[in-house]
Amino acid sequence: MKILLTGSNGLLGQKLVYRLAGNASHRLMATSRGENRLRKTEGYQYRSLDITQAPDWERVVGDFRPDVIIHTAAMTHVDRCHENPAACEEQNVKALELLIAACQPYQTRIVYLSTDFVFDGKAGPYRESDQPYPLSIYGSSKLKGEELLQQSGLPVAILRTILVYGVAEELSRSNIVLWAKGALQKGAPIQVVDDQYRSPTLAEDLAEACVLAAEKKATGVFHVSGPRTFSIFELVEQIADFWKLDKDLLKRVSSETLNQPAKRPPRTGFIIDKARRELGYRPHSFREGLAMVDKQLKAAHGQQV
């Protein structure tokens, strides 16, 4: 199977490269904007791809002729999307239109990454059949992307996910586990909301779900997350417990006090029965995920972390 991956420099993208590179049953072309930032360079091809440029899509899809595209590239910073809606529209909606146009001549299969932020968070945890109602420009842009793909006539699997965490190389953004661990290790007091609920998702688990969706030629919407839903405060408490850090540094606050520009859904979380049943998805527990993160950090630093 020839797999084209977008966003290969990101957290999920890197996990997919390491999962697929050198796999005898797949040929991988990894793409991202600019240079390849991964230390691993063997076992796959790399091409620079700007997802907002039609000629880039036409060249890469036309040259490689992938069987499936795993599309992870997107503008995902919720507040930046709110503050720059034109950039969000270009990267999350118009880029999808260009992707679809490039794929239609070949009827290329697509695995698309979406988000729990398509929901308003009044009634989580959510099933795939629940009605989306996004609160933010980011959530709206990802829902528009879903709708464009569903109307495209192409074979598409939409994987919605939540609060992805993990370790990767030279990431431009952190994630909740690395942020909380780093702040607590420095002895810095941190404010943590106790009125938002999420199902944290290990990046390796999400990468595996993407590969399963591609291999099984799955179509439709799948909820793919960690197996349990926690408040953000509970999540950070577990991070502190795992690394034996000082929980007295945690300050419990409400979402309103943070004055975040974009609205967040208060309670999401997913019911992942469909992904378990149809994809064979088997996510790690949050504690197992933290153990994997710990092992990878120690390997990366070659010392006790």
C-alpha atoms as a PDB file:
ATOM      1  CA  MET A   1       0.000   0.000   0.000  1.00  0.00           C
ATOM      2  CA  LYS A   2       1.355   3.415  -1.001  1.00  0.00           C
ATOM      3  CA  ILE A   3       0.683   5.871   1.827  1.00  0.00           C
ATOM      4  CA  LEU A   4       1.095   9.631   1.568  1.00  0.00           C
ATOM      5  CA  LEU A   5       1.341  11.352   4.953  1.00  0.00           C
ATOM      6  CA  THR A   6       0.865  15.082   5.523  1.00  0.00           C
ATOM      7  CA  GLY A   7       2.139  16.910   8.597  1.00  0.00           C
ATOM      8  CA  SER A   8       4.998  14.462   9.126  1.00  0.00           C
ATOM      9  CA  ASN A   9       6.954  16.930  11.295  1.00  0.00           C
ATOM     10  CA  GLY A  10       4.143  17.077  13.874  1.00  0.00           C
ATOM     11  CA  LEU A  11       3.626  14.809  16.881  1.00  0.00           C
ATOM     12  CA  LEU A  12       1.190  12.404  15.199  1.00  0.00           C
ATOM     13  CA  GLY A  13       3.039  12.654  11.884  1.00  0.00           C
ATOM     14  CA  GLN A  14       6.328  11.605  13.483  1.00  0.00           C
ATOM     15  CA  LYS A  15       4.700   8.619  15.172  1.00  0.00           C
ATOM     16  CA  LEU A  16       3.277   7.546  11.806  1.00  0.00           C
ATOM     17  CA  VAL A  17       6.674   7.831  10.116  1.00  0.00           C
ATOM     18  CA  TYR A  18       8.267   5.618  12.793  1.00  0.00           C
ATOM     19  CA  ARG A  19       5.324   3.202  12.580  1.00  0.00           C
ATOM     20  CA  LEU A  20       5.388   2.888   8.769  1.00  0.00           C
ATOM     21  CA  ALA A  21       8.980   3.519   7.612  1.00  0.00           C
ATOM     22  CA  GLY A  22      10.649   0.357   6.384  1.00  0.00           C
ATOM     23  CA  ASN A  23       7.402  -1.646   6.608  1.00  0.00           C
ATOM     24  CA  ALA A  24       7.636  -4.273   3.866  1.00  0.00           C
ATOM     25  CA  SER A  25       3.919  -4.115   3.076  1.00  0.00           C
ATOM     26  CA  HIS A  26       3.769  -0.301   2.702  1.00  0.00           C
ATOM     27  CA  ARG A  27       5.570   2.441   0.805  1.00  0.00           C
ATOM     28  CA  LEU A  28       5.539   5.756   2.659  1.00  0.00           C
ATOM     29  CA  MET A  29       5.939   9.267   1.344  1.00  0.00           C
ATOM     30  CA  ALA A  30       6.105  11.729   4.246  1.00  0.00           C
ATOM     31  CA  THR A  31       5.367  15.392   3.589  1.00  0.00           C
ATOM     32  CA  SER A  32       5.426  18.576   5.623  1.00  0.00           C
ATOM     33  CA  ARG A  33       6.084  22.250   5.031  1.00  0.00           C
ATOM     34  CA  GLY A  34       9.815  22.926   4.717  1.00  0.00           C
ATOM     35  CA  GLU A  35      12.601  20.552   5.663  1.00  0.00           C
ATOM     36  CA  ASN A  36      12.257  17.096   7.195  1.00  0.00           C
ATOM     37  CA  ARG A  37      12.893  17.510  10.946  1.00  0.00           C
ATOM     38  CA  LEU A  38      13.137  13.806  11.801  1.00  0.00           C
ATOM     39  CA  ARG A  39      16.447  12.143  12.620  1.00  0.00           C
ATOM     40  CA  LYS A  40      15.170   8.960  10.985  1.00  0.00           C
ATOM     41  CA  THR A  41      15.511   9.377   7.229  1.00  0.00           C
ATOM     42  CA  GLU A  42      15.667   5.809   5.913  1.00  0.00           C
ATOM     43  CA  GLY A  43      12.772   3.572   4.884  1.00  0.00           C
ATOM     44  CA  TYR A  44      10.593   6.275   3.331  1.00  0.00           C
ATOM     45  CA  GLN A  45      10.628   9.224   0.932  1.00  0.00           C
ATOM     46  CA  TYR A  46      10.234  12.840   2.040  1.00  0.00           C
ATOM     47  CA  ARG A  47       8.843  15.735  -0.009  1.00  0.00           C
ATOM     48  CA  SER A  48       8.104  19.295   1.040  1.00  0.00           C
ATOM     49  CA  LEU A  49       4.377  20.059   0.645  1.00  0.00           C
ATOM     50  CA  ASP A  50       2.511  23.298   1.326  1.00  0.00           C
ATOM     51  CA  ILE A  51      -1.089  22.140   1.768  1.00  0.00           C
ATOM     52  CA  THR A  52      -2.401  25.588   0.747  1.00  0.00           C
ATOM     53  CA  GLN A  53      -0.886  25.384  -2.749  1.00  0.00           C
ATOM     54  CA  ALA A  54      -2.724  23.478  -5.492  1.00  0.00           C
ATOM     55  CA  PRO A  55       0.425  22.860  -7.600  1.00  0.00           C
ATOM     56  CA  ASP A  56       2.087  21.186  -4.603  1.00  0.00           C
ATOM     57  CA  TRP A  57      -0.851  18.791  -4.185  1.00  0.00           C
ATOM     58  CA  GLU A  58      -1.046  18.031  -7.908  1.00  0.00           C
ATOM     59  CA  ARG A  59       2.686  17.359  -8.137  1.00  0.00           C
ATOM     60  CA  VAL A  60       2.958  15.127  -5.081  1.00  0.00           C
ATOM     61  CA  VAL A  61      -0.276  13.155  -5.647  1.00  0.00           C
ATOM     62  CA  GLY A  62       0.360  12.880  -9.397  1.00  0.00           C
ATOM     63  CA  ASP A  63       3.967  11.697  -8.953  1.00  0.00           C
ATOM     64  CA  PHE A  64       3.423   9.255  -6.081  1.00  0.00           C
ATOM     65  CA  ARG A  65      -0.136   8.067  -6.868  1.00  0.00           C
ATOM     66  CA  PRO A  66      -0.880   7.036  -3.276  1.00  0.00           C
ATOM     67  CA  ASP A  67      -3.493   4.422  -2.408  1.00  0.00           C
ATOM     68  CA  VAL A  68      -4.323   6.413   0.715  1.00  0.00           C
ATOM     69  CA  ILE A  69      -3.527   9.844   2.149  1.00  0.00           C
ATOM     70  CA  ILE A  70      -3.355  10.223   5.937  1.00  0.00           C
ATOM     71  CA  HIS A  71      -4.027  13.934   6.361  1.00  0.00           C
ATOM     72  CA  THR A  72      -2.744  15.150   9.735  1.00  0.00           C
ATOM     73  CA  ALA A  73      -1.584  18.629   8.651  1.00  0.00           C
ATOM     74  CA  ALA A  74      -3.787  21.420  10.011  1.00  0.00           C
ATOM     75  CA  MET A  75      -3.855  24.609  12.039  1.00  0.00           C
ATOM     76  CA  THR A  76      -4.764  23.204  15.461  1.00  0.00           C
ATOM     77  CA  HIS A  77      -3.966  25.987  17.944  1.00  0.00           C
ATOM     78  CA  VAL A  78      -7.476  26.905  19.077  1.00  0.00           C
ATOM     79  CA  ASP A  79      -6.753  30.497  20.143  1.00  0.00           C
ATOM     80  CA  ARG A  80      -4.598  31.266  17.092  1.00  0.00           C
ATOM     81  CA  CYS A  81      -7.449  30.053  14.883  1.00  0.00           C
ATOM     82  CA  HIS A  82      -9.740  32.448  16.763  1.00  0.00           C
ATOM     83  CA  GLU A  83      -7.327  35.346  16.355  1.00  0.00           C
ATOM     84  CA  ASN A  84      -6.508  34.611  12.700  1.00  0.00           C
ATOM     85  CA  PRO A  85      -9.634  33.083  11.133  1.00  0.00           C
ATOM     86  CA  ALA A  86      -8.384  33.680   7.570  1.00  0.00           C
ATOM     87  CA  ALA A  87      -5.285  31.514   8.162  1.00  0.00           C
ATOM     88  CA  CYS A  88      -7.462  28.869   9.850  1.00  0.00           C
ATOM     89  CA  GLU A  89      -9.845  28.837   6.866  1.00  0.00           C
ATOM     90  CA  GLU A  90      -6.947  28.549   4.424  1.00  0.00           C
ATOM     91  CA  GLN A  91      -5.205  25.663   6.209  1.00  0.00           C
ATOM     92  CA  ASN A  92      -8.225  23.703   7.494  1.00  0.00           C
ATOM     93  CA  VAL A  93     -10.861  24.267   4.799  1.00  0.00           C
ATOM     94  CA  LYS A  94      -9.365  25.541   1.541  1.00  0.00           C
ATOM     95  CA  ALA A  95      -6.487  23.062   1.825  1.00  0.00           C
ATOM     96  CA  LEU A  96      -9.102  20.288   2.036  1.00  0.00           C
ATOM     97  CA  GLU A  97     -10.688  21.523  -1.194  1.00  0.00           C
ATOM     98  CA  LEU A  98      -7.271  21.330  -2.888  1.00  0.00           C
ATOM     99  CA  LEU A  99      -6.637  17.859  -1.460  1.00  0.00           C
ATOM    100  CA  ILE A 100     -10.006  16.620  -2.728  1.00  0.00           C
ATOM    101  CA  ALA A 101      -9.416  18.101  -6.204  1.00  0.00           C
ATOM    102  CA  ALA A 102      -6.009  16.391  -6.424  1.00  0.00           C
ATOM    103  CA  CYS A 103      -7.459  13.037  -5.300  1.00  0.00           C
ATOM    104  CA  GLN A 104     -10.608  12.877  -7.405  1.00  0.00           C
ATOM    105  CA  PRO A 105      -8.944  11.817 -10.696  1.00  0.00           C
ATOM    106  CA  TYR A 106      -7.511   8.768  -8.897  1.00  0.00           C
ATOM    107  CA  GLN A 107     -10.325   8.153  -6.338  1.00  0.00           C
ATOM    108  CA  THR A 108      -7.660   8.198  -3.635  1.00  0.00           C
ATOM    109  CA  ARG A 109      -8.705   6.987  -0.194  1.00  0.00           C
ATOM    110  CA  ILE A 110      -8.354   9.561   2.625  1.00  0.00           C
ATOM    111  CA  VAL A 111      -7.904   9.223   6.390  1.00  0.00           C
ATOM    112  CA  TYR A 112      -8.690  12.618   7.928  1.00  0.00           C
ATOM    113  CA  LEU A 113      -7.961  13.767  11.465  1.00  0.00           C
ATOM    114  CA  SER A 114     -10.689  15.736  13.194  1.00  0.00           C
ATOM    115  CA  THR A 115     -11.422  16.773  16.767  1.00  0.00           C
ATOM    116  CA  ASP A 116     -13.732  16.637  19.774  1.00  0.00           C
ATOM    117  CA  PHE A 117     -14.066  20.418  19.330  1.00  0.00           C
ATOM    118  CA  VAL A 118     -16.757  19.783  16.688  1.00  0.00           C
ATOM    119  CA  PHE A 119     -19.045  19.336  19.756  1.00  0.00           C
ATOM    120  CA  ASP A 120     -20.324  21.959  22.210  1.00  0.00           C
ATOM    121  CA  GLY A 121     -19.404  19.869  25.259  1.00  0.00           C
ATOM    122  CA  LYS A 122     -22.832  19.906  26.879  1.00  0.00           C
ATOM    123  CA  ALA A 123     -23.416  16.165  26.689  1.00  0.00           C
ATOM    124  CA  GLY A 124     -20.109  14.283  26.511  1.00  0.00           C
ATOM    125  CA  PRO A 125     -18.851  11.626  26.231  1.00  0.00           C
ATOM    126  CA  TYR A 126     -19.928  11.501  22.577  1.00  0.00           C
ATOM    127  CA  ARG A 127     -20.770   8.816  20.036  1.00  0.00           C
ATOM    128  CA  GLU A 128     -20.147   9.207  16.297  1.00  0.00           C
ATOM    129  CA  SER A 129     -23.903   9.616  15.723  1.00  0.00           C
ATOM    130  CA  ASP A 130     -24.197  12.645  18.049  1.00  0.00           C
ATOM    131  CA  GLN A 131     -24.917  16.008  16.440  1.00  0.00           C
ATOM    132  CA  PRO A 132     -21.858  18.302  16.118  1.00  0.00           C
ATOM    133  CA  TYR A 133     -22.165  21.893  17.281  1.00  0.00           C
ATOM    134  CA  PRO A 134     -18.764  23.627  17.406  1.00  0.00           C
ATOM    135  CA  LEU A 135     -18.168  26.598  19.718  1.00  0.00           C
ATOM    136  CA  SER A 136     -14.920  27.845  18.135  1.00  0.00           C
ATOM    137  CA  ILE A 137     -13.555  28.857  14.748  1.00  0.00           C
ATOM    138  CA  TYR A 138     -11.166  25.909  15.001  1.00  0.00           C
ATOM    139  CA  GLY A 139     -13.991  23.434  15.663  1.00  0.00           C
ATOM    140  CA  SER A 140     -16.059  24.923  12.832  1.00  0.00           C
ATOM    141  CA  SER A 141     -13.141  24.656  10.401  1.00  0.00           C
ATOM    142  CA  LYS A 142     -12.598  20.976  11.184  1.00  0.00           C
ATOM    143  CA  LEU A 143     -16.327  20.250  10.836  1.00  0.00           C
ATOM    144  CA  LYS A 144     -16.338  22.009   7.446  1.00  0.00           C
ATOM    145  CA  GLY A 145     -13.438  19.760   6.459  1.00  0.00           C
ATOM    146  CA  GLU A 146     -15.445  16.687   7.492  1.00  0.00           C
ATOM    147  CA  GLU A 147     -18.428  17.871   5.442  1.00  0.00           C
ATOM    148  CA  LEU A 148     -16.319  18.599   2.351  1.00  0.00           C
ATOM    149  CA  LEU A 149     -14.864  15.097   2.489  1.00  0.00           C
ATOM    150  CA  GLN A 150     -18.243  13.448   3.044  1.00  0.00           C
ATOM    151  CA  GLN A 151     -19.617  15.268  -0.014  1.00  0.00           C
ATOM    152  CA  SER A 152     -16.556  14.543  -2.186  1.00  0.00           C
ATOM    153  CA  GLY A 153     -17.541  11.057  -3.353  1.00  0.00           C
ATOM    154  CA  LEU A 154     -14.106   9.791  -2.262  1.00  0.00           C
ATOM    155  CA  PRO A 155     -13.645   6.875   0.177  1.00  0.00           C
ATOM    156  CA  VAL A 156     -12.984   8.665   3.476  1.00  0.00           C
ATOM    157  CA  ALA A 157     -12.409   7.692   7.117  1.00  0.00           C
ATOM    158  CA  ILE A 158     -12.787  10.578   9.577  1.00  0.00           C
ATOM    159  CA  LEU A 159     -10.952  10.006  12.872  1.00  0.00           C
ATOM    160  CA  ARG A 160     -11.955  12.451  15.586  1.00  0.00           C
ATOM    161  CA  THR A 161      -9.552  12.593  18.504  1.00  0.00           C
ATOM    162  CA  ILE A 162      -8.907  14.393  21.804  1.00  0.00           C
ATOM    163  CA  LEU A 163      -5.931  15.984  23.590  1.00  0.00           C
ATOM    164  CA  VAL A 164      -3.067  14.082  21.965  1.00  0.00           C
ATOM    165  CA  TYR A 165       0.120  13.706  24.041  1.00  0.00           C
ATOM    166  CA  GLY A 166       3.530  12.127  23.556  1.00  0.00           C
ATOM    167  CA  VAL A 167       7.229  12.691  22.869  1.00  0.00           C
ATOM    168  CA  ALA A 168       8.650  13.675  19.487  1.00  0.00           C
ATOM    169  CA  GLU A 169      11.622  15.481  17.950  1.00  0.00           C
ATOM    170  CA  GLU A 170      11.835  19.281  17.687  1.00  0.00           C
ATOM    171  CA  LEU A 171       8.123  19.891  18.134  1.00  0.00           C
ATOM    172  CA  SER A 172       6.937  23.452  17.597  1.00  0.00           C
ATOM    173  CA  ARG A 173       4.282  22.915  20.291  1.00  0.00           C
ATOM    174  CA  SER A 174       4.187  21.097  23.604  1.00  0.00           C
ATOM    175  CA  ASN A 175       1.296  18.995  24.913  1.00  0.00           C
ATOM    176  CA  ILE A 176      -0.403  18.710  28.277  1.00  0.00           C
ATOM    177  CA  VAL A 177       1.804  15.941  29.664  1.00  0.00           C
ATOM    178  CA  LEU A 178       5.143  17.547  28.773  1.00  0.00           C
ATOM    179  CA  TRP A 179       3.900  21.008  29.804  1.00  0.00           C
ATOM    180  CA  ALA A 180       2.634  19.909  33.237  1.00  0.00           C
ATOM    181  CA  LYS A 181       5.663  17.699  33.963  1.00  0.00           C
ATOM    182  CA  GLY A 182       8.098  20.453  32.942  1.00  0.00           C
ATOM    183  CA  ALA A 183       6.375  23.166  34.993  1.00  0.00           C
ATOM    184  CA  LEU A 184       6.107  20.996  38.115  1.00  0.00           C
ATOM    185  CA  GLN A 185       9.744  19.892  37.880  1.00  0.00           C
ATOM    186  CA  LYS A 186      10.761  23.555  37.884  1.00  0.00           C
ATOM    187  CA  GLY A 187       8.686  24.070  41.032  1.00  0.00           C
ATOM    188  CA  ALA A 188       6.397  26.500  39.233  1.00  0.00           C
ATOM    189  CA  PRO A 189       2.821  26.868  40.487  1.00  0.00           C
ATOM    190  CA  ILE A 190       0.373  26.155  37.667  1.00  0.00           C
ATOM    191  CA  GLN A 191      -3.282  27.000  37.174  1.00  0.00           C
ATOM    192  CA  VAL A 192      -5.313  24.005  35.999  1.00  0.00           C
ATOM    193  CA  VAL A 193      -8.977  24.041  35.026  1.00  0.00           C
ATOM    194  CA  ASP A 194     -11.272  21.647  36.871  1.00  0.00           C
ATOM    195  CA  ASP A 195     -14.394  22.204  34.740  1.00  0.00           C
ATOM    196  CA  GLN A 196     -13.205  20.807  31.384  1.00  0.00           C
ATOM    197  CA  TYR A 197     -13.287  17.051  30.759  1.00  0.00           C
ATOM    198  CA  ARG A 198     -11.279  15.198  28.112  1.00  0.00           C
ATOM    199  CA  SER A 199     -10.105  11.693  27.112  1.00  0.00           C
ATOM    200  CA  PRO A 200      -6.310  12.078  26.662  1.00  0.00           C
ATOM    201  CA  THR A 201      -4.956  10.195  23.655  1.00  0.00           C
ATOM    202  CA  LEU A 202      -1.470   8.686  23.383  1.00  0.00           C
ATOM    203  CA  ALA A 203       0.054   9.680  20.026  1.00  0.00           C
ATOM    204  CA  GLU A 204       1.146   6.074  19.336  1.00  0.00           C
ATOM    205  CA  ASP A 205      -2.439   4.887  19.803  1.00  0.00           C
ATOM    206  CA  LEU A 206      -3.775   7.482  17.384  1.00  0.00           C
ATOM    207  CA  ALA A 207      -1.082   6.591  14.822  1.00  0.00           C
ATOM    208  CA  GLU A 208      -2.086   2.935  15.088  1.00  0.00           C
ATOM    209  CA  ALA A 209      -5.743   3.873  14.517  1.00  0.00           C
ATOM    210  CA  CYS A 210      -4.746   5.784  11.359  1.00  0.00           C
ATOM    211  CA  VAL A 211      -2.869   2.741  10.027  1.00  0.00           C
ATOM    212  CA  LEU A 212      -5.760   0.398  10.903  1.00  0.00           C
ATOM    213  CA  ALA A 213      -8.231   2.690   9.106  1.00  0.00           C
ATOM    214  CA  ALA A 214      -5.976   2.725   6.024  1.00  0.00           C
ATOM    215  CA  GLU A 215      -5.331  -1.035   6.000  1.00  0.00           C
ATOM    216  CA  LYS A 216      -8.977  -1.978   6.603  1.00  0.00           C
ATOM    217  CA  LYS A 217     -10.175   0.555   3.990  1.00  0.00           C
ATOM    218  CA  ALA A 218     -12.539   1.911   6.626  1.00  0.00           C
ATOM    219  CA  THR A 219     -15.071   4.598   5.758  1.00  0.00           C
ATOM    220  CA  GLY A 220     -17.227   6.811   7.956  1.00  0.00           C
ATOM    221  CA  VAL A 221     -16.623   8.591  11.261  1.00  0.00           C
ATOM    222  CA  PHE A 222     -14.673   7.023  14.144  1.00  0.00           C
ATOM    223  CA  HIS A 223     -14.070   8.350  17.645  1.00  0.00           C
ATOM    224  CA  VAL A 224     -10.480   7.584  18.600  1.00  0.00           C
ATOM    225  CA  SER A 225      -9.176   8.628  22.008  1.00  0.00           C
ATOM    226  CA  GLY A 226      -7.881   7.302  25.286  1.00  0.00           C
ATOM    227  CA  PRO A 227     -10.237   4.912  27.094  1.00  0.00           C
ATOM    228  CA  ARG A 228     -11.155   7.189  30.032  1.00  0.00           C
ATOM    229  CA  THR A 229     -12.425  10.729  30.520  1.00  0.00           C
ATOM    230  CA  PHE A 230     -10.974  12.942  33.262  1.00  0.00           C
ATOM    231  CA  SER A 231     -11.143  16.587  34.255  1.00  0.00           C
ATOM    232  CA  ILE A 232      -8.012  18.460  33.201  1.00  0.00           C
ATOM    233  CA  PHE A 233      -7.210  18.897  36.909  1.00  0.00           C
ATOM    234  CA  GLU A 234      -7.445  15.125  37.483  1.00  0.00           C
ATOM    235  CA  LEU A 235      -5.178  14.581  34.466  1.00  0.00           C
ATOM    236  CA  VAL A 236      -2.497  16.867  35.819  1.00  0.00           C
ATOM    237  CA  GLU A 237      -2.791  15.283  39.283  1.00  0.00           C
ATOM    238  CA  GLN A 238      -2.055  11.908  37.671  1.00  0.00           C
ATOM    239  CA  ILE A 239       0.954  13.385  35.880  1.00  0.00           C
ATOM    240  CA  ALA A 240       2.236  14.713  39.234  1.00  0.00           C
ATOM    241  CA  ASP A 241       1.622  11.358  40.920  1.00  0.00           C
ATOM    242  CA  PHE A 242       3.393   9.394  38.190  1.00  0.00           C
ATOM    243  CA  TRP A 243       6.595  11.466  38.385  1.00  0.00           C
ATOM    244  CA  LYS A 244       6.252  12.036  42.148  1.00  0.00           C
ATOM    245  CA  LEU A 245       5.991  15.806  41.779  1.00  0.00           C
ATOM    246  CA  ASP A 246       4.470  18.308  44.196  1.00  0.00           C
ATOM    247  CA  LYS A 247       0.687  18.474  43.808  1.00  0.00           C
ATOM    248  CA  ASP A 248       0.562  21.489  46.124  1.00  0.00           C
ATOM    249  CA  LEU A 249       1.791  23.507  43.127  1.00  0.00           C
ATOM    250  CA  LEU A 250      -1.525  22.872  41.341  1.00  0.00           C
ATOM    251  CA  LYS A 251      -4.067  25.664  41.606  1.00  0.00           C
ATOM    252  CA  ARG A 252      -7.623  24.639  40.758  1.00  0.00           C
ATOM    253  CA  VAL A 253      -9.350  27.283  38.583  1.00  0.00           C
ATOM    254  CA  SER A 254     -12.466  27.593  36.418  1.00  0.00           C
ATOM    255  CA  SER A 255     -12.299  28.098  32.649  1.00  0.00           C
ATOM    256  CA  GLU A 256     -13.685  31.625  32.986  1.00  0.00           C
ATOM    257  CA  THR A 257     -10.686  32.817  35.007  1.00  0.00           C
ATOM    258  CA  LEU A 258      -8.236  31.941  32.197  1.00  0.00           C
ATOM    259  CA  ASN A 259      -9.782  34.427  29.733  1.00  0.00           C
ATOM    260  CA  GLN A 260      -8.908  32.235  26.740  1.00  0.00           C
ATOM    261  CA  PRO A 261      -9.889  33.957  23.471  1.00  0.00           C
ATOM    262  CA  ALA A 262     -11.698  30.912  22.031  1.00  0.00           C
ATOM    263  CA  LYS A 263     -14.487  29.040  23.771  1.00  0.00           C
ATOM    264  CA  ARG A 264     -13.785  25.433  24.771  1.00  0.00           C
ATOM    265  CA  PRO A 265     -16.406  22.703  25.095  1.00  0.00           C
ATOM    266  CA  PRO A 266     -16.723  21.932  28.836  1.00  0.00           C
ATOM    267  CA  ARG A 267     -17.201  18.152  28.662  1.00  0.00           C
ATOM    268  CA  THR A 268     -16.231  16.053  25.666  1.00  0.00           C
ATOM    269  CA  GLY A 269     -14.742  12.580  25.934  1.00  0.00           C
ATOM    270  CA  PHE A 270     -15.572   9.803  23.483  1.00  0.00           C
ATOM    271  CA  ILE A 271     -17.317   6.464  23.486  1.00  0.00           C
ATOM    272  CA  ILE A 272     -14.839   4.441  21.418  1.00  0.00           C
ATOM    273  CA  ASP A 273     -16.804   1.199  20.993  1.00  0.00           C
ATOM    274  CA  LYS A 274     -17.086   1.596  17.207  1.00  0.00           C
ATOM    275  CA  ALA A 275     -13.315   2.045  16.748  1.00  0.00           C
ATOM    276  CA  ARG A 276     -12.668  -0.970  18.993  1.00  0.00           C
ATOM    277  CA  ARG A 277     -15.155  -3.099  17.074  1.00  0.00           C
ATOM    278  CA  GLU A 278     -14.530  -2.047  13.455  1.00  0.00           C
ATOM    279  CA  LEU A 279     -10.855  -1.046  13.499  1.00  0.00           C
ATOM    280  CA  GLY A 280      -9.525  -3.287  16.265  1.00  0.00           C
ATOM    281  CA  TYR A 281      -8.422  -0.165  18.162  1.00  0.00           C
ATOM    282  CA  ARG A 282      -6.860  -0.982  21.554  1.00  0.00           C
ATOM    283  CA  PRO A 283      -5.710   2.152  23.381  1.00  0.00           C
ATOM    284  CA  HIS A 284      -3.357   2.218  26.354  1.00  0.00           C
ATOM    285  CA  SER A 285      -4.564   3.449  29.738  1.00  0.00           C
ATOM    286  CA  PHE A 286      -3.383   6.937  30.711  1.00  0.00           C
ATOM    287  CA  ARG A 287      -0.905   5.483  33.191  1.00  0.00           C
ATOM    288  CA  GLU A 288       0.491   3.104  30.538  1.00  0.00           C
ATOM    289  CA  GLY A 289       0.823   6.106  28.233  1.00  0.00           C
ATOM    290  CA  LEU A 290       2.735   8.053  30.870  1.00  0.00           C
ATOM    291  CA  ALA A 291       5.086   5.074  31.314  1.00  0.00           C
ATOM    292  CA  MET A 292       5.778   5.115  27.548  1.00  0.00           C
ATOM    293  CA  VAL A 293       6.442   8.858  27.651  1.00  0.00           C
ATOM    294  CA  ASP A 294       8.826   8.373  30.580  1.00  0.00           C
ATOM    295  CA  LYS A 295      10.738   5.625  28.773  1.00  0.00           C
ATOM    296  CA  GLN A 296      11.037   7.736  25.600  1.00  0.00           C
ATOM    297  CA  LEU A 297      12.216  10.814  27.512  1.00  0.00           C
ATOM    298  CA  LYS A 298      14.896   8.749  29.255  1.00  0.00           C
ATOM    299  CA  ALA A 299      16.007   7.280  25.934  1.00  0.00           C
ATOM    300  CA  ALA A 300      16.114  10.733  24.328  1.00  0.00           C
ATOM    301  CA  HIS A 301      18.216  12.237  27.119  1.00  0.00           C
ATOM    302  CA  GLY A 302      20.253   9.123  27.844  1.00  0.00           C
ATOM    303  CA  GLN A 303      19.739   9.663  31.561  1.00  0.00           C
ATOM    304  CA  GLN A 304      17.217   9.735  34.364  1.00  0.00           C
ATOM    305  CA  VAL A 305      14.557  12.366  33.588  1.00  0.00           C
END
